[in-house]
Amino acid sequence: MCKYAVALTLACVSLAAVAQQPAPFEAARTVHLAARIEAISQRDRNVTLLGDDGRRVIVEAGPAVKNLNEVKPGDKVLVIYQEGIVAEARPKGQGMPAAKPSAATPPSDPGQLTAPAADAPIVTTVRIEAVDASKHTVTFTRPDGETRSLAIVRPDAQRFIETLEPGDEVEVTYREAVALSIEPNKG
């Protein structure tokens, strides 16, 4: 009986230690956006949107979006999505210890994007375009030339981006914005 109590105690201690470790991605904010579709890539399910507020957003249509083949560029839509966020940002060459390899095919060229499965983290080196320390956002260009503006939620990464200038290269682990719903905007 004592042997089982010790095993149960060790299991609880192990679970508590795991629970205290911060998750690489904190909860993302859910955003509702009225927008016009600029482009759709059926291959990777990326949708480029121009919001009524003039903001350009790229979202990955998640598995809940079943009508992606029914919308087209120029359509006005209402989109509900989980905001993309940066989990880790470090100086180039320091590696990303919190990053987990994606289940997708690894890139053929070093420094290229690790092609993720839906909602999986992307690990890559990017060029910084702009930093807004007051809003904790960073704008960067990926190796494929695409530009993203994402929120930084972890305090250590927020402090790090304050030291960056346009043109700096850094390693990031981030998650794209993931659309939960894309519906025609009848209004």
Foldseek 3Di string as FASTA:
>chain_A
DVVVVVVVVVVVVVVVVVVPDDQLDDFFDKDKFWWFWAAADPVQQWTWTQGPVRDIAIARADPLEPCSVVDGGGFTKIWIWGFKAWSDKFAPPPDDVNADQAPADQDPDPQAWGDHDAQHKIKGKWFWADADLVQQWTWTAGPVGDIDIHHYDDPVRSVVCVPDDGGGIIITIMTGIYTNYIGGDPD
